[in-house]
Structures are given as structure tokens and as C-alpha cells.
Amino acid sequence: MDQQLKRYYQLKNKHKEIEQELAELRAEITGFCAGQGEAGLEAGGYRAKLVLQERKEYDEEKLYAALPDPQLWRLLARPDSAKIASLLKLGVLKDEHLQGTFQAKTVTLLHVEKK
């Protein structure tokens, strides 16, 4: 078990380092594209594409007040966009109930693929 714990610890640290490096590279690539006014670029056999995506960030108090059945709050526990989207899709919630409970936030996604 010592080896498993040691290896887990090593991989967890490596994971943190990789996440940090990915964040730095992502910032450099998106910054470069933004500086060029481009939504993507091609270089060295790779293609990068920036995709804008809108996400909703819910206000906990407003959302709770807007829910038609307070028991629904137990299903959510906290505002979770994926769960709320599922409840909308199932018809448990309606868009009208959620008006004014969230702010739309535009997020830039980076997709890199080999040509």
C-alpha cells in the first residue's frame, strides 16, 4: 500500500503541474488570437479554434425564491447549471420561473487539434 500512496501523491502533484501549464498555454494562445483579432490559427501542423460559449451563473437567493416548489431546492443543493438544465428539459422547471435568477457569462473555449 505504501507504493500506491506514494504513486498517487506523485501523480496528484504532476496533475497540478500539468493543469497550471495548460492554463498558462491557454492564456498565451487565446491572448495571441485576441491580439490578432482572430478566432483561431494554424501552426506547425496544429489548428487552434476559439469558441465563445454562454454560461449562466445563478444567484442562489433569487433562484430559491423563483422555484415553484421549495422541495426542488433539495435536488439542487446549490445552483448547478447542468442540473437546472436537466430540470428544464424534463419540464419540472419552466424558463419563466428562472427569469432574473442568473447572469449570462461568455466564456472562451480553446480547441486544439492535429491537422
N, C-alpha and C. Protein backbone atom coordinates (compact mmCIF):
# COMPACT_ATOMS: atom_id res chain seq x y z
N MET A 1 0.83 -1.19 0.00
CA MET A 1 0.00 0.00 0.00
C MET A 1 0.87 1.25 0.00
N ASP A 2 2.08 1.19 0.54
CA ASP A 2 2.98 2.35 0.54
C ASP A 2 3.24 2.84 -0.88
N GLN A 3 3.46 1.91 -1.78
CA GLN A 3 3.75 2.28 -3.17
C GLN A 3 2.56 2.97 -3.83
N GLN A 4 1.36 2.48 -3.55
CA GLN A 4 0.15 3.09 -4.13
C GLN A 4 -0.03 4.51 -3.62
N LEU A 5 0.17 4.70 -2.32
CA LEU A 5 0.04 6.04 -1.76
C LEU A 5 1.09 6.98 -2.32
N LYS A 6 2.30 6.49 -2.41
CA LYS A 6 3.39 7.30 -2.96
C LYS A 6 3.09 7.68 -4.41
N ARG A 7 2.67 6.68 -5.21
CA ARG A 7 2.38 6.94 -6.62
C ARG A 7 1.21 7.90 -6.78
N TYR A 8 0.18 7.73 -5.96
CA TYR A 8 -0.97 8.63 -6.00
C TYR A 8 -0.53 10.06 -5.73
N TYR A 9 0.27 10.23 -4.70
CA TYR A 9 0.77 11.56 -4.33
C TYR A 9 1.57 12.16 -5.48
N GLN A 10 2.44 11.34 -6.09
CA GLN A 10 3.25 11.83 -7.21
C GLN A 10 2.37 12.25 -8.39
N LEU A 11 1.41 11.42 -8.72
CA LEU A 11 0.52 11.74 -9.85
C LEU A 11 -0.33 12.96 -9.57
N LYS A 12 -0.79 13.10 -8.33
CA LYS A 12 -1.60 14.26 -7.96
C LYS A 12 -0.79 15.54 -8.14
N ASN A 13 0.47 15.53 -7.72
CA ASN A 13 1.34 16.70 -7.90
C ASN A 13 1.61 16.97 -9.38
N LYS A 14 1.84 15.90 -10.15
CA LYS A 14 2.06 16.06 -11.58
C LYS A 14 0.81 16.63 -12.25
N HIS A 15 -0.35 16.18 -11.79
CA HIS A 15 -1.62 16.68 -12.32
C HIS A 15 -1.74 18.19 -12.10
N LYS A 16 -1.39 18.64 -10.89
CA LYS A 16 -1.44 20.08 -10.58
C LYS A 16 -0.49 20.85 -11.50
N GLU A 17 0.71 20.32 -11.71
CA GLU A 17 1.68 20.99 -12.58
C GLU A 17 1.17 21.07 -14.02
N ILE A 18 0.58 19.98 -14.49
CA ILE A 18 0.04 19.95 -15.87
C ILE A 18 -1.11 20.93 -16.00
N GLU A 19 -2.01 20.97 -15.02
CA GLU A 19 -3.13 21.91 -15.05
C GLU A 19 -2.63 23.35 -15.10
N GLN A 20 -1.60 23.66 -14.33
CA GLN A 20 -1.03 25.00 -14.30
C GLN A 20 -0.42 25.35 -15.66
N GLU A 21 0.34 24.41 -16.24
CA GLU A 21 0.95 24.67 -17.54
C GLU A 21 -0.11 24.82 -18.63
N LEU A 22 -1.16 23.99 -18.56
CA LEU A 22 -2.26 24.12 -19.53
C LEU A 22 -2.92 25.49 -19.43
N ALA A 23 -3.14 25.96 -18.22
CA ALA A 23 -3.76 27.27 -18.02
C ALA A 23 -2.88 28.37 -18.61
N GLU A 24 -1.58 28.28 -18.40
CA GLU A 24 -0.66 29.28 -18.93
C GLU A 24 -0.64 29.26 -20.46
N LEU A 25 -0.57 28.06 -21.04
CA LEU A 25 -0.56 27.94 -22.50
C LEU A 25 -1.88 28.43 -23.10
N ARG A 26 -2.98 28.08 -22.44
CA ARG A 26 -4.30 28.54 -22.91
C ARG A 26 -4.36 30.05 -22.92
N ALA A 27 -3.86 30.69 -21.86
CA ALA A 27 -3.87 32.15 -21.78
C ALA A 27 -3.01 32.75 -22.88
N GLU A 28 -1.85 32.16 -23.15
CA GLU A 28 -0.97 32.67 -24.21
C GLU A 28 -1.64 32.54 -25.58
N ILE A 29 -2.23 31.38 -25.85
CA ILE A 29 -2.86 31.14 -27.17
C ILE A 29 -4.07 32.04 -27.36
N THR A 30 -4.95 32.10 -26.36
CA THR A 30 -6.14 32.95 -26.50
C THR A 30 -5.75 34.42 -26.57
N GLY A 31 -4.73 34.81 -25.82
CA GLY A 31 -4.25 36.19 -25.88
C GLY A 31 -3.69 36.53 -27.24
N PHE A 32 -2.93 35.62 -27.82
CA PHE A 32 -2.38 35.83 -29.15
C PHE A 32 -3.50 35.99 -30.18
N CYS A 33 -4.47 35.07 -30.13
CA CYS A 33 -5.58 35.14 -31.08
C CYS A 33 -6.37 36.44 -30.91
N ALA A 34 -6.61 36.82 -29.68
CA ALA A 34 -7.35 38.06 -29.42
C ALA A 34 -6.58 39.26 -29.94
N GLY A 35 -5.27 39.24 -29.75
CA GLY A 35 -4.42 40.33 -30.24
C GLY A 35 -4.44 40.43 -31.75
N GLN A 36 -4.59 39.30 -32.42
CA GLN A 36 -4.65 39.27 -33.88
C GLN A 36 -6.07 39.49 -34.39
N GLY A 37 -7.04 39.50 -33.48
CA GLY A 37 -8.44 39.64 -33.88
C GLY A 37 -8.94 38.41 -34.62
N GLU A 38 -8.37 37.27 -34.31
CA GLU A 38 -8.73 36.02 -35.00
C GLU A 38 -9.44 35.07 -34.04
N ALA A 39 -10.26 34.18 -34.60
CA ALA A 39 -10.94 33.17 -33.80
C ALA A 39 -10.20 31.84 -33.86
N GLY A 40 -9.00 31.87 -34.39
CA GLY A 40 -8.22 30.64 -34.48
C GLY A 40 -6.92 30.87 -35.22
N LEU A 41 -6.11 29.83 -35.27
CA LEU A 41 -4.84 29.91 -36.00
C LEU A 41 -4.37 28.51 -36.35
N GLU A 42 -3.45 28.43 -37.31
CA GLU A 42 -2.82 27.18 -37.69
C GLU A 42 -1.32 27.38 -37.62
N ALA A 43 -0.62 26.41 -37.02
CA ALA A 43 0.83 26.50 -36.92
C ALA A 43 1.40 25.12 -36.66
N GLY A 44 2.47 24.79 -37.37
CA GLY A 44 3.20 23.56 -37.13
C GLY A 44 2.37 22.30 -37.15
N GLY A 45 1.42 22.21 -38.04
CA GLY A 45 0.61 21.01 -38.14
C GLY A 45 -0.53 20.94 -37.13
N TYR A 46 -0.79 22.04 -36.43
CA TYR A 46 -1.88 22.07 -35.46
C TYR A 46 -2.82 23.22 -35.78
N ARG A 47 -4.07 23.03 -35.39
CA ARG A 47 -5.09 24.04 -35.62
C ARG A 47 -5.74 24.36 -34.28
N ALA A 48 -5.83 25.64 -33.96
CA ALA A 48 -6.49 26.08 -32.73
C ALA A 48 -7.72 26.89 -33.12
N LYS A 49 -8.79 26.68 -32.38
CA LYS A 49 -10.03 27.40 -32.65
C LYS A 49 -10.60 27.88 -31.32
N LEU A 50 -10.97 29.16 -31.27
CA LEU A 50 -11.62 29.71 -30.09
C LEU A 50 -13.13 29.66 -30.30
N VAL A 51 -13.83 29.18 -29.32
CA VAL A 51 -15.28 29.07 -29.39
C VAL A 51 -15.86 29.82 -28.19
N LEU A 52 -16.75 30.78 -28.47
CA LEU A 52 -17.41 31.51 -27.39
C LEU A 52 -18.63 30.73 -26.95
N GLN A 53 -18.78 30.60 -25.65
CA GLN A 53 -19.91 29.86 -25.10
C GLN A 53 -20.51 30.70 -23.98
N GLU A 54 -21.83 30.72 -23.93
CA GLU A 54 -22.50 31.48 -22.88
C GLU A 54 -22.90 30.53 -21.76
N ARG A 55 -22.56 30.89 -20.54
CA ARG A 55 -22.92 30.10 -19.37
C ARG A 55 -23.75 30.96 -18.43
N LYS A 56 -24.62 30.31 -17.70
CA LYS A 56 -25.47 31.02 -16.74
C LYS A 56 -24.92 30.82 -15.34
N GLU A 57 -24.78 31.91 -14.62
CA GLU A 57 -24.38 31.85 -13.22
C GLU A 57 -25.56 32.30 -12.39
N TYR A 58 -26.11 31.38 -11.61
CA TYR A 58 -27.34 31.64 -10.88
C TYR A 58 -27.08 32.31 -9.53
N ASP A 59 -27.98 33.21 -9.17
CA ASP A 59 -27.98 33.84 -7.86
C ASP A 59 -28.79 32.92 -6.94
N GLU A 60 -28.16 32.41 -5.92
CA GLU A 60 -28.78 31.41 -5.05
C GLU A 60 -30.10 31.88 -4.44
N GLU A 61 -30.14 33.09 -3.91
CA GLU A 61 -31.36 33.59 -3.26
C GLU A 61 -32.49 33.79 -4.27
N LYS A 62 -32.16 34.38 -5.42
CA LYS A 62 -33.20 34.62 -6.43
C LYS A 62 -33.72 33.30 -6.99
N LEU A 63 -32.82 32.34 -7.17
CA LEU A 63 -33.23 31.04 -7.69
C LEU A 63 -34.18 30.35 -6.70
N TYR A 64 -33.82 30.34 -5.43
CA TYR A 64 -34.67 29.70 -4.42
C TYR A 64 -36.06 30.34 -4.40
N ALA A 65 -36.09 31.67 -4.49
CA ALA A 65 -37.38 32.38 -4.48
C ALA A 65 -38.20 32.07 -5.73
N ALA A 66 -37.54 31.76 -6.84
CA ALA A 66 -38.23 31.54 -8.10
C ALA A 66 -38.74 30.11 -8.27
N LEU A 67 -38.23 29.17 -7.49
CA LEU A 67 -38.65 27.78 -7.65
C LEU A 67 -40.11 27.61 -7.24
N PRO A 68 -40.90 26.96 -8.09
CA PRO A 68 -42.32 26.79 -7.79
C PRO A 68 -42.57 25.89 -6.59
N ASP A 69 -41.67 24.96 -6.34
CA ASP A 69 -41.82 24.03 -5.22
C ASP A 69 -40.52 24.04 -4.42
N PRO A 70 -40.55 24.52 -3.18
CA PRO A 70 -39.32 24.59 -2.37
C PRO A 70 -38.62 23.24 -2.22
N GLN A 71 -39.36 22.14 -2.40
CA GLN A 71 -38.74 20.82 -2.31
C GLN A 71 -37.73 20.59 -3.44
N LEU A 72 -37.87 21.34 -4.53
CA LEU A 72 -36.90 21.23 -5.63
C LEU A 72 -35.51 21.66 -5.18
N TRP A 73 -35.45 22.55 -4.21
CA TRP A 73 -34.17 23.04 -3.74
C TRP A 73 -33.31 21.89 -3.23
N ARG A 74 -33.95 20.87 -2.63
CA ARG A 74 -33.20 19.72 -2.14
C ARG A 74 -32.52 18.99 -3.28
N LEU A 75 -33.11 19.00 -4.46
CA LEU A 75 -32.49 18.35 -5.61
C LEU A 75 -31.27 19.13 -6.10
N LEU A 76 -31.31 20.43 -5.92
CA LEU A 76 -30.23 21.27 -6.44
C LEU A 76 -29.09 21.43 -5.43
N ALA A 77 -29.41 21.56 -4.17
CA ALA A 77 -28.44 21.78 -3.09
C ALA A 77 -27.71 23.11 -3.24
N ARG A 78 -27.29 23.43 -4.41
CA ARG A 78 -26.70 24.73 -4.74
C ARG A 78 -26.90 24.91 -6.24
N PRO A 79 -26.83 26.13 -6.73
CA PRO A 79 -27.07 26.33 -8.17
C PRO A 79 -26.07 25.54 -9.02
N ASP A 80 -26.56 24.58 -9.75
CA ASP A 80 -25.75 23.75 -10.64
C ASP A 80 -26.39 23.84 -12.02
N SER A 81 -25.70 24.51 -12.93
CA SER A 81 -26.27 24.76 -14.26
C SER A 81 -26.70 23.49 -14.97
N ALA A 82 -25.93 22.41 -14.84
CA ALA A 82 -26.27 21.16 -15.51
C ALA A 82 -27.57 20.57 -14.95
N LYS A 83 -27.72 20.60 -13.62
CA LYS A 83 -28.94 20.06 -13.01
C LYS A 83 -30.13 20.92 -13.36
N ILE A 84 -29.94 22.23 -13.36
CA ILE A 84 -31.05 23.14 -13.70
C ILE A 84 -31.46 22.91 -15.15
N ALA A 85 -30.49 22.75 -16.03
CA ALA A 85 -30.80 22.47 -17.44
C ALA A 85 -31.57 21.17 -17.58
N SER A 86 -31.21 20.17 -16.79
CA SER A 86 -31.93 18.89 -16.83
C SER A 86 -33.38 19.06 -16.35
N LEU A 87 -33.56 19.82 -15.27
CA LEU A 87 -34.92 20.05 -14.77
C LEU A 87 -35.76 20.82 -15.79
N LEU A 88 -35.12 21.75 -16.51
CA LEU A 88 -35.83 22.47 -17.57
C LEU A 88 -36.23 21.50 -18.69
N LYS A 89 -35.30 20.66 -19.08
CA LYS A 89 -35.54 19.71 -20.16
C LYS A 89 -36.66 18.73 -19.80
N LEU A 90 -36.70 18.31 -18.53
CA LEU A 90 -37.74 17.39 -18.08
C LEU A 90 -39.09 18.06 -17.88
N GLY A 91 -39.10 19.40 -17.90
CA GLY A 91 -40.35 20.13 -17.71
C GLY A 91 -40.70 20.36 -16.25
N VAL A 92 -39.79 20.02 -15.34
CA VAL A 92 -40.04 20.24 -13.91
C VAL A 92 -39.99 21.74 -13.63
N LEU A 93 -39.09 22.44 -14.29
CA LEU A 93 -38.99 23.90 -14.21
C LEU A 93 -39.32 24.48 -15.56
N LYS A 94 -39.74 25.74 -15.54
CA LYS A 94 -40.01 26.46 -16.79
C LYS A 94 -39.09 27.68 -16.84
N ASP A 95 -38.74 28.09 -18.06
CA ASP A 95 -37.87 29.26 -18.23
C ASP A 95 -38.41 30.48 -17.50
N GLU A 96 -39.74 30.62 -17.49
CA GLU A 96 -40.35 31.79 -16.84
C GLU A 96 -40.01 31.83 -15.34
N HIS A 97 -39.89 30.67 -14.71
CA HIS A 97 -39.56 30.63 -13.28
C HIS A 97 -38.17 31.18 -13.02
N LEU A 98 -37.29 31.05 -13.99
CA LEU A 98 -35.87 31.39 -13.77
C LEU A 98 -35.48 32.78 -14.24
N GLN A 99 -36.43 33.52 -14.82
CA GLN A 99 -36.12 34.87 -15.28
C GLN A 99 -35.58 35.71 -14.12
N GLY A 100 -34.44 36.36 -14.35
CA GLY A 100 -33.85 37.23 -13.35
C GLY A 100 -33.05 36.53 -12.27
N THR A 101 -32.90 35.21 -12.39
CA THR A 101 -32.17 34.47 -11.35
C THR A 101 -30.71 34.20 -11.73
N PHE A 102 -30.31 34.60 -12.93
CA PHE A 102 -28.96 34.31 -13.37
C PHE A 102 -28.40 35.44 -14.21
N GLN A 103 -27.08 35.42 -14.35
CA GLN A 103 -26.39 36.33 -15.27
C GLN A 103 -25.72 35.46 -16.32
N ALA A 104 -25.84 35.87 -17.58
CA ALA A 104 -25.17 35.14 -18.65
C ALA A 104 -23.72 35.59 -18.71
N LYS A 105 -22.83 34.62 -18.82
CA LYS A 105 -21.40 34.90 -18.85
C LYS A 105 -20.83 34.23 -20.10
N THR A 106 -20.11 34.99 -20.90
CA THR A 106 -19.49 34.43 -22.09
C THR A 106 -18.10 33.91 -21.74
N VAL A 107 -17.86 32.66 -22.12
CA VAL A 107 -16.60 32.00 -21.82
C VAL A 107 -15.95 31.61 -23.14
N THR A 108 -14.64 31.78 -23.24
CA THR A 108 -13.91 31.38 -24.44
C THR A 108 -13.31 30.00 -24.24
N LEU A 109 -13.71 29.07 -25.09
CA LEU A 109 -13.17 27.71 -25.06
C LEU A 109 -12.08 27.61 -26.12
N LEU A 110 -11.07 26.82 -25.85
CA LEU A 110 -9.97 26.60 -26.80
C LEU A 110 -9.97 25.15 -27.22
N HIS A 111 -10.04 24.91 -28.53
CA HIS A 111 -9.95 23.56 -29.09
C HIS A 111 -8.68 23.51 -29.94
N VAL A 112 -7.82 22.55 -29.67
CA VAL A 112 -6.60 22.37 -30.46
C VAL A 112 -6.63 20.96 -31.00
N GLU A 113 -6.41 20.83 -32.32
CA GLU A 113 -6.40 19.51 -32.95
C GLU A 113 -5.25 19.41 -33.92
N LYS A 114 -4.85 18.21 -34.20
CA LYS A 114 -3.79 17.97 -35.17
C LYS A 114 -4.40 17.96 -36.55
N LYS A 115 -3.72 18.59 -37.52
CA LYS A 115 -4.24 18.62 -38.89
C LYS A 115 -4.04 17.29 -39.57
